[in-house]
Amino acid sequence: MAIIKMNPRKLSLFREKKGINISPENIVAISWTALIFLIYYLKHSFEFDFKGIEIGILLLGAFYIIGLLISTYFRYEREIGEYCGRISFYENRINIENNDFHLEEIQKLEFFSTYDVKGDFTNYLLEFTPHLSNGLNNSFILTLKNGKQIEYNFLQTKSEQIKYYKEVLTNYHKKGIISWLELLNILKIEDYNEIQKLKKEITIANTV
């Protein structure tokens, strides 16, 4: 299988923000819950008379919580961090944030969690966090022969996914920077016949 000259394949890079991050929706829900406890504590411990206001607060809070839970099925996960350029895959080099790394200086390229795609449902549980994936729970580590490691998260969408880059990734495998098992995992090839077909394609390409 000869490598066909083509435009470089590109994916958007993302740098996650470290630390604990609480969504505005959860802050409101926590605040509302704390307010309800405070109202009933004052009412039952100090016989404070709210003149029925607590019932209105309870109803408004209940409607908010129900609406929030329903909305999570139509909202995307928060993007906690920032986009920081692209990774571009060429036949003889990899470009990360406008920095070229030629295959000769790369020891290995490893991908992790390459199954996250923007818009996919993360789960169907009833919870406060959004259920639509932001597509950013994918990452890679590029290890250079000088020992330096470069690590990023990256975005995958319905149309742009690492598994679609078969030609250039197969070329990287032939150059020794992506292992055989890594290649199969990235391309999501599990069927025995498909594995043998890919092996044959690589063997033929190596003899050309």
N, C-alpha and C. Protein backbone atom coordinates (compact mmCIF):
# COMPACT_ATOMS: atom_id res chain seq x y z
N MET A 1 0.85 -1.19 0.00
CA MET A 1 0.00 0.00 0.00
C MET A 1 0.89 1.24 0.00
N ALA A 2 1.01 1.89 -1.10
CA ALA A 2 1.87 3.07 -1.22
C ALA A 2 1.20 4.25 -0.53
N ILE A 3 2.02 5.11 0.08
CA ILE A 3 1.51 6.31 0.72
C ILE A 3 1.20 7.34 -0.34
N ILE A 4 -0.04 7.77 -0.40
CA ILE A 4 -0.47 8.74 -1.40
C ILE A 4 -0.25 10.14 -0.86
N LYS A 5 0.32 11.01 -1.68
CA LYS A 5 0.51 12.39 -1.29
C LYS A 5 -0.85 13.02 -1.06
N MET A 6 -1.02 13.68 0.06
CA MET A 6 -2.30 14.27 0.40
C MET A 6 -2.09 15.43 1.35
N ASN A 7 -3.14 16.19 1.56
CA ASN A 7 -3.08 17.26 2.52
C ASN A 7 -2.90 16.67 3.91
N PRO A 8 -2.15 17.36 4.78
CA PRO A 8 -1.93 16.82 6.13
C PRO A 8 -3.24 16.70 6.89
N ARG A 9 -3.36 15.67 7.70
CA ARG A 9 -4.53 15.49 8.55
C ARG A 9 -4.30 16.27 9.83
N LYS A 10 -5.31 17.01 10.27
CA LYS A 10 -5.14 17.90 11.41
C LYS A 10 -6.21 17.67 12.48
N LEU A 11 -5.81 17.85 13.72
CA LEU A 11 -6.73 17.79 14.85
C LEU A 11 -6.44 18.97 15.78
N SER A 12 -7.48 19.52 16.38
CA SER A 12 -7.31 20.64 17.30
C SER A 12 -6.77 20.15 18.64
N LEU A 13 -5.80 20.89 19.16
CA LEU A 13 -5.19 20.56 20.45
C LEU A 13 -5.89 21.31 21.57
N PHE A 14 -5.88 20.72 22.75
CA PHE A 14 -6.54 21.32 23.90
C PHE A 14 -5.69 21.08 25.13
N ARG A 15 -5.50 22.14 25.93
CA ARG A 15 -4.75 22.02 27.18
C ARG A 15 -5.71 22.15 28.35
N GLU A 16 -5.85 21.10 29.12
CA GLU A 16 -6.80 21.11 30.23
C GLU A 16 -6.30 21.99 31.37
N LYS A 17 -7.26 22.64 32.03
CA LYS A 17 -6.96 23.45 33.20
C LYS A 17 -6.95 22.55 34.43
N LYS A 18 -5.89 22.61 35.19
CA LYS A 18 -5.76 21.78 36.37
C LYS A 18 -6.55 22.35 37.53
N GLY A 19 -6.89 21.49 38.48
CA GLY A 19 -7.59 21.93 39.67
C GLY A 19 -9.03 21.49 39.69
N ILE A 20 -9.74 21.88 40.75
CA ILE A 20 -11.14 21.52 40.93
C ILE A 20 -12.02 22.60 40.30
N ASN A 21 -12.94 22.18 39.45
CA ASN A 21 -13.83 23.12 38.78
C ASN A 21 -15.28 22.70 39.01
N ILE A 22 -16.06 23.62 39.56
CA ILE A 22 -17.48 23.36 39.82
C ILE A 22 -18.31 24.17 38.84
N SER A 23 -19.24 23.54 38.18
CA SER A 23 -20.06 24.22 37.19
C SER A 23 -21.02 25.20 37.86
N PRO A 24 -21.42 26.26 37.13
CA PRO A 24 -22.39 27.23 37.68
C PRO A 24 -23.70 26.56 38.09
N GLU A 25 -24.14 25.55 37.32
CA GLU A 25 -25.39 24.86 37.64
C GLU A 25 -25.30 24.17 38.99
N ASN A 26 -24.17 23.53 39.24
CA ASN A 26 -23.99 22.85 40.52
C ASN A 26 -23.89 23.83 41.67
N ILE A 27 -23.29 24.99 41.44
CA ILE A 27 -23.20 26.02 42.47
C ILE A 27 -24.59 26.49 42.86
N VAL A 28 -25.45 26.72 41.84
CA VAL A 28 -26.82 27.15 42.11
C VAL A 28 -27.58 26.07 42.88
N ALA A 29 -27.43 24.82 42.45
CA ALA A 29 -28.13 23.72 43.10
C ALA A 29 -27.68 23.57 44.56
N ILE A 30 -26.37 23.69 44.80
CA ILE A 30 -25.84 23.59 46.16
C ILE A 30 -26.34 24.75 47.02
N SER A 31 -26.33 25.96 46.42
CA SER A 31 -26.78 27.14 47.16
C SER A 31 -28.25 27.03 47.51
N TRP A 32 -29.05 26.55 46.55
CA TRP A 32 -30.48 26.39 46.81
C TRP A 32 -30.73 25.39 47.93
N THR A 33 -30.02 24.28 47.90
CA THR A 33 -30.16 23.27 48.94
C THR A 33 -29.78 23.82 50.32
N ALA A 34 -28.67 24.58 50.34
CA ALA A 34 -28.24 25.18 51.61
C ALA A 34 -29.28 26.17 52.12
N LEU A 35 -29.90 26.93 51.19
CA LEU A 35 -30.92 27.90 51.59
C LEU A 35 -32.14 27.21 52.19
N ILE A 36 -32.55 26.10 51.60
CA ILE A 36 -33.70 25.34 52.11
C ILE A 36 -33.41 24.84 53.52
N PHE A 37 -32.21 24.28 53.72
CA PHE A 37 -31.85 23.81 55.06
C PHE A 37 -31.84 24.96 56.07
N LEU A 38 -31.32 26.12 55.64
CA LEU A 38 -31.26 27.27 56.53
C LEU A 38 -32.66 27.74 56.92
N ILE A 39 -33.56 27.81 55.93
CA ILE A 39 -34.93 28.25 56.20
C ILE A 39 -35.60 27.33 57.20
N TYR A 40 -35.53 26.03 56.97
CA TYR A 40 -36.21 25.09 57.87
C TYR A 40 -35.51 24.99 59.23
N TYR A 41 -34.20 25.25 59.26
CA TYR A 41 -33.49 25.29 60.54
C TYR A 41 -33.99 26.47 61.37
N LEU A 42 -34.09 27.64 60.74
CA LEU A 42 -34.57 28.83 61.45
C LEU A 42 -36.02 28.67 61.88
N LYS A 43 -36.80 28.02 61.01
CA LYS A 43 -38.23 27.87 61.30
C LYS A 43 -38.46 26.92 62.46
N HIS A 44 -37.78 25.79 62.47
CA HIS A 44 -38.05 24.78 63.49
C HIS A 44 -37.23 24.98 64.76
N SER A 45 -36.07 25.62 64.65
CA SER A 45 -35.23 25.82 65.83
C SER A 45 -35.53 27.12 66.54
N PHE A 46 -35.90 28.14 65.78
CA PHE A 46 -36.14 29.47 66.36
C PHE A 46 -37.56 29.97 66.11
N GLU A 47 -38.39 29.08 65.53
CA GLU A 47 -39.78 29.42 65.24
C GLU A 47 -39.91 30.71 64.44
N PHE A 48 -38.97 30.86 63.48
CA PHE A 48 -38.99 32.04 62.62
C PHE A 48 -40.16 31.92 61.64
N ASP A 49 -40.93 32.99 61.49
CA ASP A 49 -42.10 32.97 60.62
C ASP A 49 -41.76 33.58 59.25
N PHE A 50 -41.73 32.73 58.25
CA PHE A 50 -41.44 33.21 56.89
C PHE A 50 -42.71 33.56 56.11
N LYS A 51 -43.86 33.39 56.77
CA LYS A 51 -45.16 33.73 56.18
C LYS A 51 -45.40 33.02 54.84
N GLY A 52 -44.96 31.76 54.76
CA GLY A 52 -45.23 30.94 53.58
C GLY A 52 -44.23 31.12 52.45
N ILE A 53 -43.26 32.03 52.63
CA ILE A 53 -42.27 32.27 51.56
C ILE A 53 -41.47 31.00 51.28
N GLU A 54 -41.22 30.21 52.34
CA GLU A 54 -40.41 29.00 52.14
C GLU A 54 -41.06 28.03 51.17
N ILE A 55 -42.39 28.02 51.10
CA ILE A 55 -43.08 27.12 50.16
C ILE A 55 -42.79 27.54 48.73
N GLY A 56 -42.83 28.86 48.47
CA GLY A 56 -42.52 29.37 47.14
C GLY A 56 -41.09 29.07 46.74
N ILE A 57 -40.16 29.24 47.68
CA ILE A 57 -38.75 28.94 47.39
C ILE A 57 -38.56 27.46 47.08
N LEU A 58 -39.25 26.63 47.85
CA LEU A 58 -39.15 25.18 47.63
C LEU A 58 -39.67 24.80 46.25
N LEU A 59 -40.81 25.37 45.85
CA LEU A 59 -41.38 25.06 44.54
C LEU A 59 -40.50 25.56 43.40
N LEU A 60 -40.00 26.80 43.52
CA LEU A 60 -39.11 27.34 42.49
C LEU A 60 -37.85 26.50 42.36
N GLY A 61 -37.30 26.10 43.51
CA GLY A 61 -36.10 25.26 43.48
C GLY A 61 -36.36 23.91 42.86
N ALA A 62 -37.51 23.33 43.17
CA ALA A 62 -37.86 22.02 42.61
C ALA A 62 -37.99 22.10 41.09
N PHE A 63 -38.65 23.17 40.60
CA PHE A 63 -38.79 23.34 39.15
C PHE A 63 -37.43 23.54 38.49
N TYR A 64 -36.55 24.28 39.18
CA TYR A 64 -35.21 24.51 38.63
C TYR A 64 -34.43 23.20 38.52
N ILE A 65 -34.49 22.41 39.59
CA ILE A 65 -33.75 21.15 39.59
C ILE A 65 -34.27 20.21 38.50
N ILE A 66 -35.58 20.13 38.35
CA ILE A 66 -36.15 19.27 37.31
C ILE A 66 -35.72 19.75 35.93
N GLY A 67 -35.82 21.07 35.71
CA GLY A 67 -35.40 21.62 34.42
C GLY A 67 -33.93 21.39 34.15
N LEU A 68 -33.10 21.52 35.19
CA LEU A 68 -31.66 21.31 35.05
C LEU A 68 -31.35 19.87 34.67
N LEU A 69 -32.03 18.92 35.34
CA LEU A 69 -31.79 17.51 35.04
C LEU A 69 -32.18 17.16 33.61
N ILE A 70 -33.28 17.73 33.14
CA ILE A 70 -33.72 17.48 31.76
C ILE A 70 -32.74 18.09 30.76
N SER A 71 -32.28 19.31 31.07
CA SER A 71 -31.39 20.02 30.13
C SER A 71 -30.05 19.33 29.95
N THR A 72 -29.62 18.54 30.94
CA THR A 72 -28.31 17.89 30.84
C THR A 72 -28.23 16.93 29.66
N TYR A 73 -29.38 16.44 29.20
CA TYR A 73 -29.39 15.51 28.06
C TYR A 73 -29.21 16.24 26.74
N PHE A 74 -29.21 17.56 26.76
CA PHE A 74 -29.09 18.34 25.52
C PHE A 74 -27.91 19.31 25.57
N ARG A 75 -27.12 19.25 26.63
CA ARG A 75 -25.99 20.16 26.77
C ARG A 75 -24.66 19.41 26.72
N TYR A 76 -23.63 20.13 26.21
CA TYR A 76 -22.30 19.57 26.11
C TYR A 76 -21.51 19.77 27.41
N GLU A 77 -20.59 18.88 27.67
CA GLU A 77 -19.69 19.04 28.80
C GLU A 77 -18.93 20.36 28.68
N ARG A 78 -18.60 20.94 29.80
CA ARG A 78 -17.82 22.18 29.79
C ARG A 78 -16.42 21.92 29.27
N GLU A 79 -15.88 22.90 28.55
CA GLU A 79 -14.50 22.83 28.07
C GLU A 79 -13.63 23.58 29.07
N ILE A 80 -13.04 22.84 29.98
CA ILE A 80 -12.26 23.44 31.06
C ILE A 80 -10.79 23.48 30.64
N GLY A 81 -10.39 24.60 30.08
CA GLY A 81 -9.05 24.76 29.55
C GLY A 81 -9.08 25.66 28.34
N GLU A 82 -8.14 25.46 27.42
CA GLU A 82 -8.11 26.30 26.23
C GLU A 82 -7.56 25.54 25.03
N TYR A 83 -8.06 25.91 23.85
CA TYR A 83 -7.51 25.35 22.62
C TYR A 83 -6.16 26.01 22.35
N CYS A 84 -5.24 25.24 21.82
CA CYS A 84 -3.87 25.76 21.66
C CYS A 84 -3.24 25.27 20.35
N GLY A 85 -3.92 25.52 19.25
CA GLY A 85 -3.35 25.16 17.96
C GLY A 85 -3.78 23.79 17.48
N ARG A 86 -2.97 23.21 16.61
CA ARG A 86 -3.31 21.94 15.99
C ARG A 86 -2.12 20.99 15.97
N ILE A 87 -2.43 19.71 15.82
CA ILE A 87 -1.42 18.71 15.48
C ILE A 87 -1.70 18.28 14.06
N SER A 88 -0.66 18.33 13.22
CA SER A 88 -0.80 18.00 11.80
C SER A 88 0.09 16.80 11.49
N PHE A 89 -0.48 15.81 10.83
CA PHE A 89 0.24 14.57 10.52
C PHE A 89 0.67 14.58 9.05
N TYR A 90 1.98 14.68 8.83
CA TYR A 90 2.55 14.61 7.49
C TYR A 90 3.19 13.25 7.29
N GLU A 91 3.56 12.97 6.06
CA GLU A 91 4.18 11.68 5.76
C GLU A 91 5.52 11.52 6.46
N ASN A 92 6.29 12.61 6.55
CA ASN A 92 7.65 12.51 7.10
C ASN A 92 7.87 13.32 8.37
N ARG A 93 6.80 13.93 8.90
CA ARG A 93 6.96 14.74 10.11
C ARG A 93 5.61 14.94 10.79
N ILE A 94 5.67 15.40 12.03
CA ILE A 94 4.47 15.76 12.79
C ILE A 94 4.64 17.19 13.26
N ASN A 95 3.65 18.02 13.00
CA ASN A 95 3.71 19.42 13.39
C ASN A 95 2.77 19.66 14.57
N ILE A 96 3.32 20.18 15.66
CA ILE A 96 2.53 20.46 16.86
C ILE A 96 2.70 21.94 17.21
N GLU A 97 1.61 22.68 17.15
CA GLU A 97 1.66 24.12 17.43
C GLU A 97 2.75 24.81 16.61
N ASN A 98 2.79 24.49 15.32
CA ASN A 98 3.72 25.10 14.37
C ASN A 98 5.17 24.70 14.61
N ASN A 99 5.40 23.65 15.38
CA ASN A 99 6.74 23.11 15.58
C ASN A 99 6.85 21.76 14.89
N ASP A 100 7.81 21.63 13.97
CA ASP A 100 7.99 20.39 13.22
C ASP A 100 8.86 19.40 13.99
N PHE A 101 8.42 18.14 13.99
CA PHE A 101 9.19 17.03 14.55
C PHE A 101 9.29 15.95 13.48
N HIS A 102 10.47 15.80 12.90
CA HIS A 102 10.67 14.82 11.84
C HIS A 102 10.69 13.41 12.43
N LEU A 103 10.25 12.46 11.65
CA LEU A 103 10.13 11.09 12.15
C LEU A 103 11.46 10.56 12.66
N GLU A 104 12.58 11.04 12.09
CA GLU A 104 13.89 10.56 12.51
C GLU A 104 14.23 10.93 13.95
N GLU A 105 13.59 11.99 14.48
CA GLU A 105 13.89 12.41 15.85
C GLU A 105 12.82 11.93 16.84
N ILE A 106 11.83 11.18 16.36
CA ILE A 106 10.75 10.71 17.22
C ILE A 106 11.01 9.25 17.62
N GLN A 107 10.91 8.97 18.92
CA GLN A 107 11.07 7.60 19.40
C GLN A 107 9.75 6.83 19.30
N LYS A 108 8.67 7.45 19.77
CA LYS A 108 7.37 6.79 19.68
C LYS A 108 6.24 7.80 19.84
N LEU A 109 5.10 7.41 19.31
CA LEU A 109 3.88 8.21 19.40
C LEU A 109 2.80 7.31 19.97
N GLU A 110 2.25 7.71 21.13
CA GLU A 110 1.24 6.90 21.81
C GLU A 110 -0.05 7.71 21.95
N PHE A 111 -1.17 7.04 21.66
CA PHE A 111 -2.47 7.67 21.81
C PHE A 111 -3.22 7.00 22.96
N PHE A 112 -4.01 7.81 23.67
CA PHE A 112 -4.80 7.33 24.79
C PHE A 112 -6.24 7.83 24.66
N SER A 113 -7.19 7.01 25.05
CA SER A 113 -8.60 7.40 25.06
C SER A 113 -9.02 8.03 23.73
N THR A 114 -8.85 7.30 22.66
CA THR A 114 -9.18 7.84 21.33
C THR A 114 -10.63 7.59 20.94
N TYR A 115 -11.48 7.25 21.91
CA TYR A 115 -12.86 6.90 21.59
C TYR A 115 -13.84 8.05 21.88
N ASP A 116 -13.35 9.17 22.39
CA ASP A 116 -14.24 10.27 22.76
C ASP A 116 -14.52 11.15 21.55
N VAL A 117 -15.79 11.28 21.20
CA VAL A 117 -16.20 12.07 20.03
C VAL A 117 -17.25 13.09 20.46
N LYS A 118 -17.10 14.32 20.01
CA LYS A 118 -18.02 15.39 20.40
C LYS A 118 -19.44 15.05 19.99
N GLY A 119 -20.36 15.16 20.96
CA GLY A 119 -21.77 14.88 20.69
C GLY A 119 -22.22 13.52 21.14
N ASP A 120 -21.27 12.62 21.44
CA ASP A 120 -21.64 11.29 21.94
C ASP A 120 -22.20 11.40 23.36
N PHE A 121 -23.15 10.53 23.70
CA PHE A 121 -23.67 10.49 25.06
C PHE A 121 -22.63 9.88 25.98
N THR A 122 -22.37 10.55 27.10
CA THR A 122 -21.41 10.02 28.06
C THR A 122 -22.05 8.96 28.95
N ASN A 123 -23.31 9.17 29.33
CA ASN A 123 -24.07 8.17 30.09
C ASN A 123 -25.53 8.60 30.11
N TYR A 124 -26.38 7.72 30.60
CA TYR A 124 -27.82 7.98 30.63
C TYR A 124 -28.35 8.11 32.05
N LEU A 125 -27.45 8.33 33.00
CA LEU A 125 -27.86 8.47 34.39
C LEU A 125 -28.49 9.84 34.62
N LEU A 126 -29.33 9.90 35.65
CA LEU A 126 -29.97 11.16 36.02
C LEU A 126 -29.03 11.91 36.94
N GLU A 127 -28.31 12.91 36.41
CA GLU A 127 -27.36 13.67 37.19
C GLU A 127 -27.26 15.09 36.65
N PHE A 128 -26.53 15.95 37.39
CA PHE A 128 -26.48 17.36 37.04
C PHE A 128 -25.50 17.68 35.92
N THR A 129 -24.53 16.83 35.67
CA THR A 129 -23.54 17.13 34.64
C THR A 129 -24.09 16.86 33.25
N PRO A 130 -23.70 17.67 32.24
CA PRO A 130 -24.17 17.47 30.86
C PRO A 130 -23.83 16.07 30.35
N HIS A 131 -24.70 15.55 29.49
CA HIS A 131 -24.54 14.18 29.00
C HIS A 131 -23.91 14.10 27.61
N LEU A 132 -23.74 15.23 26.93
CA LEU A 132 -23.13 15.21 25.61
C LEU A 132 -21.64 15.49 25.74
N SER A 133 -20.82 14.61 25.18
CA SER A 133 -19.38 14.76 25.30
C SER A 133 -18.88 15.99 24.54
N ASN A 134 -17.84 16.62 25.10
CA ASN A 134 -17.18 17.72 24.38
C ASN A 134 -16.10 17.21 23.43
N GLY A 135 -15.87 15.89 23.41
CA GLY A 135 -14.92 15.30 22.47
C GLY A 135 -13.46 15.54 22.80
N LEU A 136 -13.16 15.96 24.03
CA LEU A 136 -11.79 16.35 24.38
C LEU A 136 -11.08 15.34 25.28
N ASN A 137 -11.74 14.25 25.62
CA ASN A 137 -11.11 13.25 26.48
C ASN A 137 -10.26 12.28 25.66
N ASN A 138 -9.44 12.84 24.79
CA ASN A 138 -8.49 12.08 23.98
C ASN A 138 -7.12 12.70 24.19
N SER A 139 -6.08 11.89 24.24
CA SER A 139 -4.75 12.45 24.47
C SER A 139 -3.68 11.61 23.79
N PHE A 140 -2.52 12.23 23.65
CA PHE A 140 -1.36 11.53 23.08
C PHE A 140 -0.10 12.01 23.79
N ILE A 141 0.92 11.18 23.70
CA ILE A 141 2.25 11.55 24.18
C ILE A 141 3.24 11.29 23.05
N LEU A 142 3.95 12.31 22.65
CA LEU A 142 5.01 12.19 21.64
C LEU A 142 6.34 12.18 22.37
N THR A 143 7.08 11.08 22.26
CA THR A 143 8.37 10.96 22.94
C THR A 143 9.49 11.08 21.91
N LEU A 144 10.37 12.05 22.12
CA LEU A 144 11.50 12.26 21.22
C LEU A 144 12.69 11.41 21.65
N LYS A 145 13.62 11.22 20.76
CA LYS A 145 14.78 10.40 21.06
C LYS A 145 15.70 11.05 22.09
N ASN A 146 15.55 12.36 22.29
CA ASN A 146 16.35 13.04 23.31
C ASN A 146 15.71 12.95 24.70
N GLY A 147 14.59 12.23 24.79
CA GLY A 147 13.93 12.02 26.07
C GLY A 147 12.78 12.97 26.35
N LYS A 148 12.64 14.02 25.58
CA LYS A 148 11.57 14.99 25.81
C LYS A 148 10.22 14.39 25.45
N GLN A 149 9.22 14.67 26.26
CA GLN A 149 7.86 14.19 26.01
C GLN A 149 6.92 15.37 25.82
N ILE A 150 6.06 15.25 24.84
CA ILE A 150 5.07 16.29 24.54
C ILE A 150 3.70 15.67 24.65
N GLU A 151 2.84 16.25 25.51
CA GLU A 151 1.54 15.65 25.79
C GLU A 151 0.43 16.68 25.65
N TYR A 152 -0.65 16.28 24.97
CA TYR A 152 -1.81 17.15 24.79
C TYR A 152 -3.08 16.31 24.77
N ASN A 153 -4.19 16.98 25.03
CA ASN A 153 -5.51 16.44 24.69
C ASN A 153 -5.85 16.93 23.30
N PHE A 154 -6.78 16.25 22.62
CA PHE A 154 -7.18 16.72 21.30
C PHE A 154 -8.66 16.45 21.07
N LEU A 155 -9.22 17.24 20.17
CA LEU A 155 -10.64 17.18 19.87
C LEU A 155 -10.92 16.19 18.75
N GLN A 156 -11.97 15.38 18.93
CA GLN A 156 -12.48 14.54 17.85
C GLN A 156 -13.95 14.87 17.62
N THR A 157 -14.31 15.02 16.35
CA THR A 157 -15.70 15.26 15.96
C THR A 157 -16.17 14.11 15.09
N LYS A 158 -17.42 14.17 14.66
CA LYS A 158 -17.95 13.11 13.82
C LYS A 158 -17.14 12.95 12.53
N SER A 159 -16.65 14.06 11.99
CA SER A 159 -15.95 14.03 10.71
C SER A 159 -14.43 13.96 10.85
N GLU A 160 -13.90 14.36 12.00
CA GLU A 160 -12.46 14.36 12.19
C GLU A 160 -12.09 13.49 13.38
N GLN A 161 -11.63 12.27 13.06
CA GLN A 161 -11.23 11.32 14.09
C GLN A 161 -9.93 10.65 13.69
N ILE A 162 -9.12 10.33 14.67
CA ILE A 162 -7.81 9.75 14.40
C ILE A 162 -7.91 8.43 13.65
N LYS A 163 -9.00 7.70 13.83
CA LYS A 163 -9.14 6.40 13.17
C LYS A 163 -9.28 6.54 11.65
N TYR A 164 -9.60 7.75 11.16
CA TYR A 164 -9.73 7.97 9.73
C TYR A 164 -8.38 8.20 9.04
N TYR A 165 -7.31 8.27 9.82
CA TYR A 165 -6.00 8.62 9.25
C TYR A 165 -5.16 7.36 9.00
N LYS A 166 -5.77 6.38 8.41
CA LYS A 166 -5.13 5.07 8.24
C LYS A 166 -3.81 5.15 7.49
N GLU A 167 -3.77 5.86 6.37
CA GLU A 167 -2.57 5.87 5.52
C GLU A 167 -1.36 6.42 6.26
N VAL A 168 -1.53 7.60 6.87
CA VAL A 168 -0.38 8.23 7.51
C VAL A 168 0.01 7.48 8.78
N LEU A 169 -0.95 6.94 9.52
CA LEU A 169 -0.63 6.19 10.74
C LEU A 169 0.07 4.87 10.41
N THR A 170 -0.36 4.24 9.32
CA THR A 170 0.31 3.01 8.88
C THR A 170 1.76 3.31 8.50
N ASN A 171 1.96 4.46 7.88
CA ASN A 171 3.31 4.88 7.54
C ASN A 171 4.16 5.07 8.79
N TYR A 172 3.56 5.65 9.84
CA TYR A 172 4.29 5.84 11.09
C TYR A 172 4.65 4.49 11.72
N HIS A 173 3.74 3.52 11.57
CA HIS A 173 4.03 2.17 12.07
C HIS A 173 5.22 1.57 11.33
N LYS A 174 5.24 1.75 10.04
CA LYS A 174 6.34 1.22 9.23
C LYS A 174 7.66 1.88 9.60
N LYS A 175 7.58 3.14 10.05
CA LYS A 175 8.80 3.86 10.45
C LYS A 175 9.20 3.53 11.88
N GLY A 176 8.36 2.78 12.60
CA GLY A 176 8.72 2.32 13.93
C GLY A 176 8.33 3.21 15.09
N ILE A 177 7.49 4.22 14.85
CA ILE A 177 7.12 5.10 15.98
C ILE A 177 5.73 4.77 16.54
N ILE A 178 4.99 3.91 15.86
CA ILE A 178 3.71 3.41 16.37
C ILE A 178 3.75 1.89 16.34
N SER A 179 3.48 1.25 17.46
CA SER A 179 3.53 -0.21 17.52
C SER A 179 2.35 -0.82 16.77
N TRP A 180 2.44 -2.12 16.50
CA TRP A 180 1.38 -2.83 15.79
C TRP A 180 0.07 -2.82 16.59
N LEU A 181 0.16 -3.13 17.87
CA LEU A 181 -1.05 -3.14 18.70
C LEU A 181 -1.64 -1.74 18.83
N GLU A 182 -0.76 -0.75 18.92
CA GLU A 182 -1.21 0.64 18.98
C GLU A 182 -1.97 1.01 17.71
N LEU A 183 -1.44 0.61 16.57
CA LEU A 183 -2.08 0.90 15.29
C LEU A 183 -3.46 0.27 15.21
N LEU A 184 -3.57 -0.99 15.61
CA LEU A 184 -4.87 -1.67 15.58
C LEU A 184 -5.86 -0.99 16.51
N ASN A 185 -5.37 -0.56 17.67
CA ASN A 185 -6.24 0.10 18.63
C ASN A 185 -6.74 1.45 18.10
N ILE A 186 -5.85 2.22 17.51
CA ILE A 186 -6.22 3.53 16.97
C ILE A 186 -7.24 3.38 15.85
N LEU A 187 -6.99 2.45 14.96
CA LEU A 187 -7.88 2.24 13.81
C LEU A 187 -9.12 1.45 14.18
N LYS A 188 -9.17 0.97 15.42
CA LYS A 188 -10.31 0.20 15.93
C LYS A 188 -10.58 -1.05 15.08
N ILE A 189 -9.50 -1.74 14.78
CA ILE A 189 -9.60 -2.98 14.00
C ILE A 189 -9.49 -4.17 14.96
N GLU A 190 -10.56 -4.94 15.06
CA GLU A 190 -10.59 -6.09 15.97
C GLU A 190 -10.88 -7.39 15.23
N ASP A 191 -11.55 -7.28 14.10
CA ASP A 191 -11.89 -8.47 13.33
C ASP A 191 -10.64 -9.14 12.77
N TYR A 192 -10.57 -10.46 12.90
CA TYR A 192 -9.38 -11.21 12.47
C TYR A 192 -9.09 -11.00 10.99
N ASN A 193 -10.10 -11.08 10.18
CA ASN A 193 -9.91 -10.92 8.73
C ASN A 193 -9.41 -9.53 8.37
N GLU A 194 -9.91 -8.51 9.08
CA GLU A 194 -9.45 -7.15 8.83
C GLU A 194 -8.00 -6.98 9.25
N ILE A 195 -7.62 -7.65 10.34
CA ILE A 195 -6.22 -7.59 10.79
C ILE A 195 -5.30 -8.22 9.76
N GLN A 196 -5.70 -9.38 9.24
CA GLN A 196 -4.88 -10.05 8.22
C GLN A 196 -4.80 -9.23 6.94
N LYS A 197 -5.89 -8.54 6.61
CA LYS A 197 -5.91 -7.70 5.41
C LYS A 197 -4.93 -6.55 5.56
N LEU A 198 -4.91 -5.93 6.75
CA LEU A 198 -3.98 -4.83 6.98
C LEU A 198 -2.54 -5.32 6.94
N LYS A 199 -2.29 -6.48 7.52
CA LYS A 199 -0.94 -7.06 7.49
C LYS A 199 -0.48 -7.25 6.05
N LYS A 200 -1.38 -7.75 5.21
CA LYS A 200 -1.06 -8.00 3.81
C LYS A 200 -0.76 -6.69 3.10
N GLU A 201 -1.55 -5.66 3.38
CA GLU A 201 -1.34 -4.36 2.75
C GLU A 201 0.04 -3.80 3.11
N ILE A 202 0.42 -3.94 4.38
CA ILE A 202 1.71 -3.44 4.81
C ILE A 202 2.85 -4.22 4.18
N THR A 203 2.69 -5.55 4.11
CA THR A 203 3.71 -6.40 3.50
C THR A 203 3.93 -6.03 2.04
N ILE A 204 2.83 -5.84 1.31
CA ILE A 204 2.91 -5.46 -0.11
C ILE A 204 3.58 -4.11 -0.26
N ALA A 205 3.23 -3.15 0.63
CA ALA A 205 3.79 -1.82 0.56
C ALA A 205 5.30 -1.86 0.82
N ASN A 206 5.75 -2.75 1.71
CA ASN A 206 7.17 -2.84 2.04
C ASN A 206 7.99 -3.44 0.92
N THR A 207 7.34 -4.15 0.00
CA THR A 207 8.06 -4.78 -1.10
C THR A 207 8.08 -3.91 -2.36
N VAL A 208 7.31 -2.81 -2.30
CA VAL A 208 7.24 -1.93 -3.47
C VAL A 208 8.47 -1.01 -3.50
